[in-house]
Protein backbone atom coordinates (compact mmCIF):
# COMPACT_ATOMS: atom_id res chain seq x y z
CA UNK A 1 86.51 109.98 52.42
CA UNK A 2 87.50 106.43 53.27
CA UNK A 3 90.75 105.12 51.85
CA UNK A 4 92.69 101.87 52.19
CA UNK A 5 96.45 101.43 52.15
CA UNK A 6 97.90 97.92 52.08
CA UNK A 7 101.40 97.68 53.56
CA UNK A 8 103.86 94.81 53.88
CA UNK A 9 104.68 93.56 57.40
CA UNK A 10 107.94 91.96 58.51
CA UNK A 11 107.18 90.29 61.88
CA UNK A 12 109.87 88.62 63.96
CA UNK A 13 109.68 84.84 64.57
CA UNK A 14 108.03 85.45 67.93
CA UNK A 15 105.51 87.84 66.39
CA UNK A 16 104.81 85.33 63.64
CA UNK A 17 103.96 82.74 66.27
CA UNK A 18 101.59 85.17 67.99
CA UNK A 19 99.94 86.02 64.68
CA UNK A 20 99.51 82.36 63.81
CA UNK A 21 97.85 81.75 67.17
CA UNK A 22 95.50 84.68 66.54
CA UNK A 23 94.68 83.36 63.07
CA UNK A 24 93.87 79.94 64.51
CA UNK A 25 91.79 81.27 67.41
CA UNK A 26 89.69 83.51 65.15
CA UNK A 27 89.18 80.66 62.70
CA UNK A 28 88.13 78.32 65.54
CA UNK A 29 85.67 80.89 66.91
CA UNK A 30 84.15 81.41 63.46
CA UNK A 31 83.62 77.68 62.95
CA UNK A 32 82.31 77.21 66.50
CA UNK A 33 79.84 80.07 66.13
CA UNK A 34 78.66 78.93 62.72
CA UNK A 35 78.12 75.39 64.00
CA UNK A 36 76.23 76.73 67.02
CA UNK A 37 73.96 78.83 64.82
CA UNK A 38 73.23 75.83 62.58
CA UNK A 39 72.41 73.58 65.54
CA UNK A 40 70.22 76.22 67.19
CA UNK A 41 68.23 76.67 64.02
CA UNK A 42 67.73 72.91 63.60
CA UNK A 43 66.52 72.52 67.19
CA UNK A 44 64.41 75.67 67.67
CA UNK A 45 63.78 76.97 64.18
CA UNK A 46 65.40 80.29 65.09
CA UNK A 47 68.94 81.44 64.51
CA UNK A 48 71.37 83.53 66.54
CA UNK A 49 72.64 86.99 65.69
CA UNK A 50 76.23 88.08 65.79
CA UNK A 51 75.61 89.90 69.07
CA UNK A 52 74.15 86.75 70.67
CA UNK A 53 77.28 84.79 69.83
CA UNK A 54 79.45 87.68 70.97
CA UNK A 55 78.08 87.34 74.52
CA UNK A 56 79.47 83.78 74.72
CA UNK A 57 83.11 84.85 74.36
CA UNK A 58 83.79 85.38 78.13
CA UNK A 59 82.51 81.88 78.94
CA UNK A 60 84.52 80.37 76.08
CA UNK A 61 87.68 82.03 77.41
CA UNK A 62 87.14 80.29 80.75
CA UNK A 63 86.73 76.92 79.03
CA UNK A 64 89.59 77.44 76.56
CA UNK A 65 92.43 79.37 78.09
CA UNK A 66 94.30 79.68 74.79
CA UNK A 67 91.63 82.10 73.52
CA UNK A 68 93.00 84.74 75.91
CA UNK A 69 96.19 84.99 73.84
CA UNK A 70 94.23 86.76 71.12
CA UNK A 71 93.16 90.39 71.39
CA UNK A 72 89.57 90.47 72.64
CA UNK A 73 88.28 92.87 69.98
CA UNK A 74 89.54 90.55 67.23
CA UNK A 75 87.34 87.79 68.65
CA UNK A 76 84.38 90.15 68.93
CA UNK A 77 84.87 91.25 65.33
CA UNK A 78 84.68 87.61 64.20
CA UNK A 79 81.16 87.31 65.64
CA UNK A 80 80.08 90.61 64.11
CA UNK A 81 81.46 89.60 60.71
CA UNK A 82 79.54 86.33 60.93
CA UNK A 83 76.36 88.29 61.57
CA UNK A 84 77.07 90.45 58.51
CA UNK A 85 77.67 87.29 56.46
CA UNK A 86 74.23 85.94 57.40
CA UNK A 87 72.63 89.31 56.65
CA UNK A 88 74.19 89.30 53.19
CA UNK A 89 72.91 85.76 52.66
CA UNK A 90 69.33 86.58 53.65
CA UNK A 91 69.37 89.67 51.42
CA UNK A 92 70.65 87.49 48.56
CA UNK A 93 73.96 89.30 48.15
CA UNK A 94 76.13 86.29 49.01
CA UNK A 95 76.01 82.55 49.52
CA UNK A 96 75.50 80.78 52.84
CA UNK A 97 78.48 81.24 55.24
CA UNK A 98 80.94 78.38 55.14
CA UNK A 99 83.40 76.92 57.59
CA UNK A 100 86.93 78.24 57.34
CA UNK A 101 89.77 75.89 56.46
CA UNK A 102 93.20 75.80 58.04
CA UNK A 103 94.73 75.94 54.57
CA UNK A 104 92.89 79.04 53.40
CA UNK A 105 93.99 82.67 53.53
CA UNK A 106 93.99 83.59 57.24
CA UNK A 107 93.18 87.08 58.46
CA UNK A 108 92.29 88.98 61.62
CA UNK A 109 90.72 92.39 62.03
CA UNK A 110 91.57 95.05 64.60
CA UNK A 111 88.78 97.64 64.93
CA UNK A 112 90.90 100.04 67.01
CA UNK A 113 94.05 100.58 69.13
CA UNK A 114 96.46 100.06 66.23
CA UNK A 115 99.01 102.86 65.88
CA UNK A 116 100.90 103.64 62.69
CA UNK A 117 104.44 105.03 62.83
CA UNK A 118 106.98 105.85 60.15
CA UNK A 119 108.41 102.34 59.88
CA UNK A 120 106.28 100.09 62.06
CA UNK A 121 102.78 99.28 63.32
CA UNK A 122 101.98 98.96 67.01
CA UNK A 123 99.54 96.05 67.27
CA UNK A 124 97.85 94.99 70.53
CA UNK A 125 99.38 91.83 72.06
CA UNK A 126 101.83 91.67 69.12
CA UNK A 127 104.00 94.71 69.71
CA UNK A 128 105.87 96.92 67.25
CA UNK A 129 105.90 95.13 63.89
CA UNK A 130 108.21 96.47 61.21
CA UNK A 131 106.36 97.58 58.08
CA UNK A 132 106.94 99.38 54.79
CA UNK A 133 104.71 102.47 54.87
CA UNK A 134 104.80 103.62 51.24
CA UNK A 135 101.92 106.12 51.48
CA UNK A 136 100.97 108.75 54.02
CA UNK A 137 98.16 107.74 56.34
CA UNK A 138 96.50 110.96 57.47
CA UNK A 139 93.25 110.84 59.38
CA UNK A 140 91.39 108.56 61.74
CA UNK A 141 92.17 104.87 61.46
CA UNK A 142 89.01 102.78 61.27
CA UNK A 143 90.16 99.17 61.01
CA UNK A 144 93.37 97.26 60.34
CA UNK A 145 93.12 93.82 58.73
CA UNK A 146 96.21 91.61 58.90
CA UNK A 147 96.43 88.74 56.43
CA UNK A 148 98.90 86.15 55.20
CA UNK A 149 99.22 84.88 51.64
CA UNK A 150 100.24 81.46 50.36
CA UNK A 151 103.96 82.31 50.25
CA UNK A 152 104.06 83.30 53.96
CA UNK A 153 104.01 87.06 53.44
CA UNK A 154 102.15 89.25 55.92
CA UNK A 155 100.17 92.35 54.95
CA UNK A 156 98.12 94.94 56.78
CA UNK A 157 95.19 96.71 55.08
CA UNK A 158 94.67 100.03 56.87
CA UNK A 159 91.26 101.64 56.45
CA UNK A 160 91.23 105.32 57.44
CA UNK A 161 89.12 108.43 57.00
CA UNK A 162 91.08 111.43 55.72
CA UNK A 163 88.28 113.86 56.65
CA UNK A 164 87.74 115.09 53.08
CA UNK A 165 84.45 115.03 51.19
CA UNK A 166 83.95 113.13 47.98
CA UNK A 167 84.65 115.39 44.99
CA UNK A 168 81.72 116.52 42.87
CA UNK A 169 81.60 114.55 39.63
CA UNK A 170 81.30 116.41 36.35
CA UNK A 171 81.07 115.39 32.70
CA UNK A 172 82.81 118.52 31.39
CA UNK A 173 85.96 117.29 29.70
CA UNK A 174 87.31 114.62 27.42
CA UNK A 175 85.26 111.44 27.06
CA UNK A 176 86.69 108.10 26.05
CA UNK A 177 85.21 104.72 25.20
CA UNK A 178 87.12 101.53 25.95
CA UNK A 179 86.57 98.23 24.14
CA UNK A 180 88.11 95.30 26.02
CA UNK A 181 89.41 92.32 24.09
CA UNK A 182 91.91 89.47 23.97
CA UNK A 183 94.18 90.30 21.02
CA UNK A 184 94.46 93.84 22.35
CA UNK A 185 93.68 94.25 26.02
CA UNK A 186 92.02 97.63 25.50
CA UNK A 187 91.22 99.75 22.44
CA UNK A 188 90.13 103.33 23.04
CA UNK A 189 87.89 105.57 20.97
CA UNK A 190 90.82 107.82 20.04
CA UNK A 191 92.57 104.92 18.29
CA UNK A 192 95.03 103.85 21.01
CA UNK A 193 95.61 100.12 21.35
CA UNK A 194 97.15 98.44 24.39
CA UNK A 195 98.53 94.96 23.85
CA UNK A 196 97.50 92.07 26.03
CA UNK A 197 100.53 91.28 28.26
CA UNK A 198 99.51 87.58 28.61
CA UNK A 199 101.15 87.32 32.02
CA UNK A 200 100.13 83.71 32.66
CA UNK A 201 101.53 82.50 29.33
CA UNK A 202 104.98 83.88 30.20
CA UNK A 203 105.13 81.95 33.48
CA UNK A 204 103.13 78.92 32.40
CA UNK A 205 106.12 76.62 31.83
CA UNK A 206 107.66 77.52 35.18
CA UNK A 207 104.32 77.01 36.90
CA UNK A 208 103.86 73.63 35.23
CA UNK A 209 107.25 72.40 36.46
CA UNK A 210 106.61 73.57 40.02
CA UNK A 211 103.19 71.92 40.07
CA UNK A 212 104.65 68.64 38.78
CA UNK A 213 107.21 68.71 41.57
CA UNK A 214 104.44 69.35 44.09
CA UNK A 215 102.35 66.42 42.82
CA UNK A 216 105.27 64.00 43.40
CA UNK A 217 105.75 64.92 47.06
CA UNK A 218 104.21 62.83 49.80
CA UNK A 219 101.20 64.41 51.44
CA UNK A 220 101.90 65.80 54.89
CA UNK A 221 105.67 65.93 54.43
CA UNK A 222 107.90 68.98 54.85
CA UNK A 223 109.10 68.68 51.25
CA UNK A 224 105.53 68.97 50.06
CA UNK A 225 105.07 72.12 52.12
CA UNK A 226 108.23 73.59 50.58
CA UNK A 227 107.04 72.67 47.08
CA UNK A 228 103.67 74.26 47.82
CA UNK A 229 105.38 77.53 48.72
CA UNK A 230 107.35 77.43 45.46
CA UNK A 231 104.09 77.12 43.53
CA UNK A 232 102.62 79.97 45.57
CA UNK A 233 105.59 82.19 44.73
CA UNK A 234 104.99 81.69 41.01
CA UNK A 235 101.32 82.57 41.44
CA UNK A 236 102.36 85.62 43.45
CA UNK A 237 104.65 86.73 40.64
CA UNK A 238 101.82 86.38 38.12
CA UNK A 239 99.44 88.32 40.37
CA UNK A 240 101.93 91.13 40.95
CA UNK A 241 102.73 91.49 37.24
CA UNK A 242 99.06 91.59 36.29
CA UNK A 243 98.25 94.07 39.05
CA UNK A 244 101.14 96.32 38.05
CA UNK A 245 99.96 96.44 34.44
CA UNK A 246 96.32 97.08 35.35
CA UNK A 247 97.17 99.79 37.90
CA UNK A 248 99.41 101.69 35.52
CA UNK A 249 96.98 101.53 32.60
CA UNK A 250 93.94 102.46 34.69
CA UNK A 251 95.80 105.38 36.28
CA UNK A 252 96.86 106.66 32.87
CA UNK A 253 93.32 106.50 31.49
CA UNK A 254 91.80 108.21 34.53
CA UNK A 255 94.38 111.00 34.49
CA UNK A 256 93.86 111.79 30.79
CA UNK A 257 90.04 111.65 30.61
CA UNK A 258 86.97 112.99 32.41
CA UNK A 259 84.31 110.51 31.26
CA UNK A 260 85.19 106.80 30.93
CA UNK A 261 82.76 104.45 29.22
CA UNK A 262 83.16 100.66 29.14
CA UNK A 263 80.92 97.74 28.34
CA UNK A 264 79.21 95.76 31.07
CA UNK A 265 80.59 92.35 30.16
CA UNK A 266 79.18 89.06 31.42
CA UNK A 267 82.59 87.67 32.31
CA UNK A 268 81.21 84.71 34.27
CA UNK A 269 79.09 83.67 31.31
CA UNK A 270 81.96 84.13 28.85
CA UNK A 271 84.07 81.80 30.98
CA UNK A 272 81.73 78.96 29.99
CA UNK A 273 83.37 78.91 26.55
CA UNK A 274 86.07 76.21 26.88
CA UNK A 275 88.08 77.65 23.98
CA UNK A 276 88.43 81.12 25.52
CA UNK A 277 88.08 80.46 29.24
CA UNK A 278 91.80 80.39 29.96
CA UNK A 279 92.51 83.55 27.98
CA UNK A 280 89.63 85.41 29.61
CA UNK A 281 90.74 84.24 33.05
CA UNK A 282 94.26 85.62 32.75
CA UNK A 283 93.37 88.98 31.19
CA UNK A 284 91.67 90.51 34.27
CA UNK A 285 88.79 92.54 32.79
CA UNK A 286 86.80 92.68 36.01
CA UNK A 287 89.73 93.89 38.08
CA UNK A 288 90.54 96.53 35.48
CA UNK A 289 86.97 97.90 35.48
CA UNK A 290 86.97 97.98 39.28
CA UNK A 291 90.18 100.00 39.28
CA UNK A 292 88.78 102.43 36.73
CA UNK A 293 85.64 102.90 38.79
CA UNK A 294 87.13 103.69 42.19
CA UNK A 295 89.96 105.79 40.78
CA UNK A 296 87.54 107.86 38.72
CA UNK A 297 85.17 108.37 41.66
CA UNK A 298 88.04 109.46 43.92
CA UNK A 299 88.95 112.26 41.49
CA UNK A 300 85.46 113.48 40.64
CA UNK A 301 85.36 111.83 37.24
CA UNK A 302 82.58 109.78 35.67
CA UNK A 303 82.66 106.04 35.11
CA UNK A 304 79.79 104.74 32.97
CA UNK A 305 78.90 101.22 31.85
CA UNK A 306 76.90 100.38 28.71
CA UNK A 307 74.57 97.41 28.45
CA UNK A 308 76.28 94.24 27.22
CA UNK A 309 73.65 93.73 24.50
CA UNK A 310 74.41 97.05 22.84
CA UNK A 311 75.69 96.23 19.26
CA UNK A 312 78.83 98.35 19.45
CA UNK A 313 80.85 96.29 16.97
CA UNK A 314 78.12 95.82 14.35
CA UNK A 315 76.98 99.46 14.18
CA UNK A 316 78.63 102.04 11.93
CA UNK A 317 79.45 105.07 14.06
CA UNK A 318 79.12 107.37 11.01
CA UNK A 319 75.65 106.53 9.66
CA UNK A 320 74.37 104.14 12.37
CA UNK A 321 73.82 101.34 9.86
CA UNK A 322 73.90 97.94 11.54
CA UNK A 323 75.15 94.78 9.88
CA UNK A 324 73.29 91.54 10.43
CA UNK A 325 76.28 89.46 11.54
CA UNK A 326 79.95 90.05 12.27
CA UNK A 327 82.03 86.96 13.19
CA UNK A 328 84.92 87.30 15.60
CA UNK A 329 87.52 86.56 12.93
CA UNK A 330 86.47 89.70 10.97
CA UNK A 331 88.63 92.48 12.41
CA UNK A 332 87.69 95.18 9.87
CA UNK A 333 84.60 95.74 7.74
CA UNK A 334 83.15 98.27 5.30
CA UNK A 335 79.76 99.86 5.78
CA UNK A 336 77.46 99.12 2.82
CA UNK A 337 75.70 102.47 3.09
CA UNK A 338 78.43 105.09 3.65
CA UNK A 339 81.35 102.97 2.37
CA UNK A 340 83.39 103.71 5.50
CA UNK A 341 86.02 101.13 6.44
CA UNK A 342 86.02 100.45 10.15
CA UNK A 343 88.47 98.83 12.48
CA UNK A 344 86.22 96.54 14.50
CA UNK A 345 87.60 97.46 17.93
CA UNK A 346 88.01 101.21 17.32
CA UNK A 347 84.48 101.42 15.91
CA UNK A 348 83.14 99.59 18.98
CA UNK A 349 84.98 101.97 21.32
CA UNK A 350 83.54 105.02 19.54
CA UNK A 351 80.02 103.61 19.74
CA UNK A 352 80.49 102.86 23.45
CA UNK A 353 81.64 106.43 24.06
CA UNK A 354 78.63 107.89 22.21
CA UNK A 355 76.18 105.59 23.98
CA UNK A 356 77.68 106.40 27.38
CA UNK A 357 77.39 110.13 26.74
CA UNK A 358 73.80 109.69 25.61
CA UNK A 359 72.95 107.82 28.79
CA UNK A 360 74.55 110.55 30.89
CA UNK A 361 72.80 113.41 29.16
CA UNK A 362 69.39 111.68 29.09
CA UNK A 363 68.34 113.85 26.16
CA UNK A 364 66.39 112.53 23.20
CA UNK A 365 68.25 112.89 19.89
CA UNK A 366 66.78 114.83 17.02
CA UNK A 367 66.05 112.15 14.44
CA UNK A 368 66.41 112.84 10.75
CA UNK A 369 66.01 110.38 7.84
CA UNK A 370 68.89 109.34 5.66
CA UNK A 371 69.09 110.61 2.06
CA UNK A 372 67.88 107.22 0.90
CA UNK A 373 64.52 107.90 2.53
CA UNK A 374 64.70 105.02 4.95
CA UNK A 375 62.04 104.39 7.56
CA UNK A 376 62.46 103.98 11.31
CA UNK A 377 61.38 100.34 11.09
CA UNK A 378 64.32 99.33 8.95
CA UNK A 379 66.79 101.01 11.29
CA UNK A 380 68.20 103.30 8.56
CA UNK A 381 67.80 106.43 10.63
CA UNK A 382 70.42 108.41 12.40
CA UNK A 383 70.18 110.83 15.28
CA UNK A 384 71.96 114.08 16.04
CA UNK A 385 72.65 114.56 19.74
CA UNK A 386 71.46 117.75 21.33
CA UNK A 387 74.06 120.25 22.55
CA UNK A 388 76.94 118.27 21.15
CA UNK A 389 76.37 115.15 23.26
CA UNK A 390 77.10 111.72 21.83
CA UNK A 391 74.34 109.46 20.60
CA UNK A 392 74.07 105.82 19.66
CA UNK A 393 70.91 106.31 17.62
CA UNK A 394 68.85 104.07 19.91
CA UNK A 395 66.52 106.73 21.26
CA UNK A 396 66.04 107.96 24.80
CA UNK A 397 66.50 104.55 26.43
CA UNK A 398 69.53 102.30 26.41
CA UNK A 399 69.60 99.49 23.89
CA UNK A 400 68.08 96.28 25.20
CA UNK A 401 66.80 93.69 22.69
CA UNK A 402 63.66 91.69 23.27
CA UNK A 403 64.69 88.10 23.97
CA UNK A 404 62.97 84.77 24.33
CA UNK A 405 64.04 81.34 25.53
CA UNK A 406 65.03 78.88 22.88
CA UNK A 407 64.62 75.15 23.25
CA UNK A 408 68.17 74.76 24.41
CA UNK A 409 67.80 77.42 27.09
CA UNK A 410 69.94 79.94 25.25
CA UNK A 411 68.74 83.50 24.82
CA UNK A 412 68.06 84.38 21.21
CA UNK A 413 67.20 87.84 19.96
CA UNK A 414 63.91 88.06 18.09
CA UNK A 415 64.59 91.49 16.56
CA UNK A 416 67.87 93.09 15.53
CA UNK A 417 67.34 96.30 17.47
CA UNK A 418 64.94 97.63 20.08
CA UNK A 419 64.63 101.14 21.42
CA UNK A 420 63.23 100.06 24.78
């Protein structure tokens, strides 16, 4: 099983200079190779692979002696990574590769020959670099990626194989549904509510002052560089606080539950709302779901996503009656059929849990009419899951409404509910 441990490095001034040279050489080789591929395609109509560019490194070292100061396998890895970038582009998984800037986040990759000790890393052509090894690294080291952030801190991401197999996932155990929001960061199906820490709002005034100081500095001056680092330190503080909160909450949820169900949110589309874009940006939903997923998979637990169009908030989890509309300012509502008062977020989390369990079991519910004698067309039917599994009352397939394009290009649902 592959694992990654990211450790902090504390290089000496001489080692920092060597690392900076390696960063610059790898960046130059990437830009040179990308430009060569573009020119070759324009002239011949055919591109170059990463291996074709890799063969040019010995000749480039003769022309540019300063390339020899960088470990040879780091340069080779740059060409291979460029080939992977083009492959991802042609398979429509990523955009076209771009030139790297001097002011970006630099990094170099060592595919082998890096040794890890108790308090330092032995890096080729760099030497023994002091590091804080906070986790045991047991197994075969695959790659080591050294990077530098905006506040001049160095890190090493160590990818290693511990030799263990992935645990077998099972759904036997406690299941939980999680409804993500802004007022409360997460609301679970068992009624727990976790407040939104609003990390950016707490440091917003400090960040504003530091950015104003940066804008007054002359471009290219040392004072501007110092002011830039002060802004980067504030951003680093915000990132660390958010990451600490998300890691602790995701670890707690994974430890206490066997099946975790969340909603597949269109975060990029939700960011188009100018009134909520800033709040959605600082809350970190995508990062939280990613943490839940890989932590659950590492422990043999199940992570399940429900379709974003599933009406979790507007459906009564008791009788499956669905209301026509439910504005965002309505935080609680009463079902007209069963007279049950629902908390909007808790009801959504329960419906997400039931829908996730129904998707996992893939068993059709046994449908029975309500006492009022409703018909399936009006939606006043409820289903009992087989063998105690949860059900959303949407049939064997996941909920997905039939949609059509409106004149303004916005998707509008033509029917309130579809069973697929």
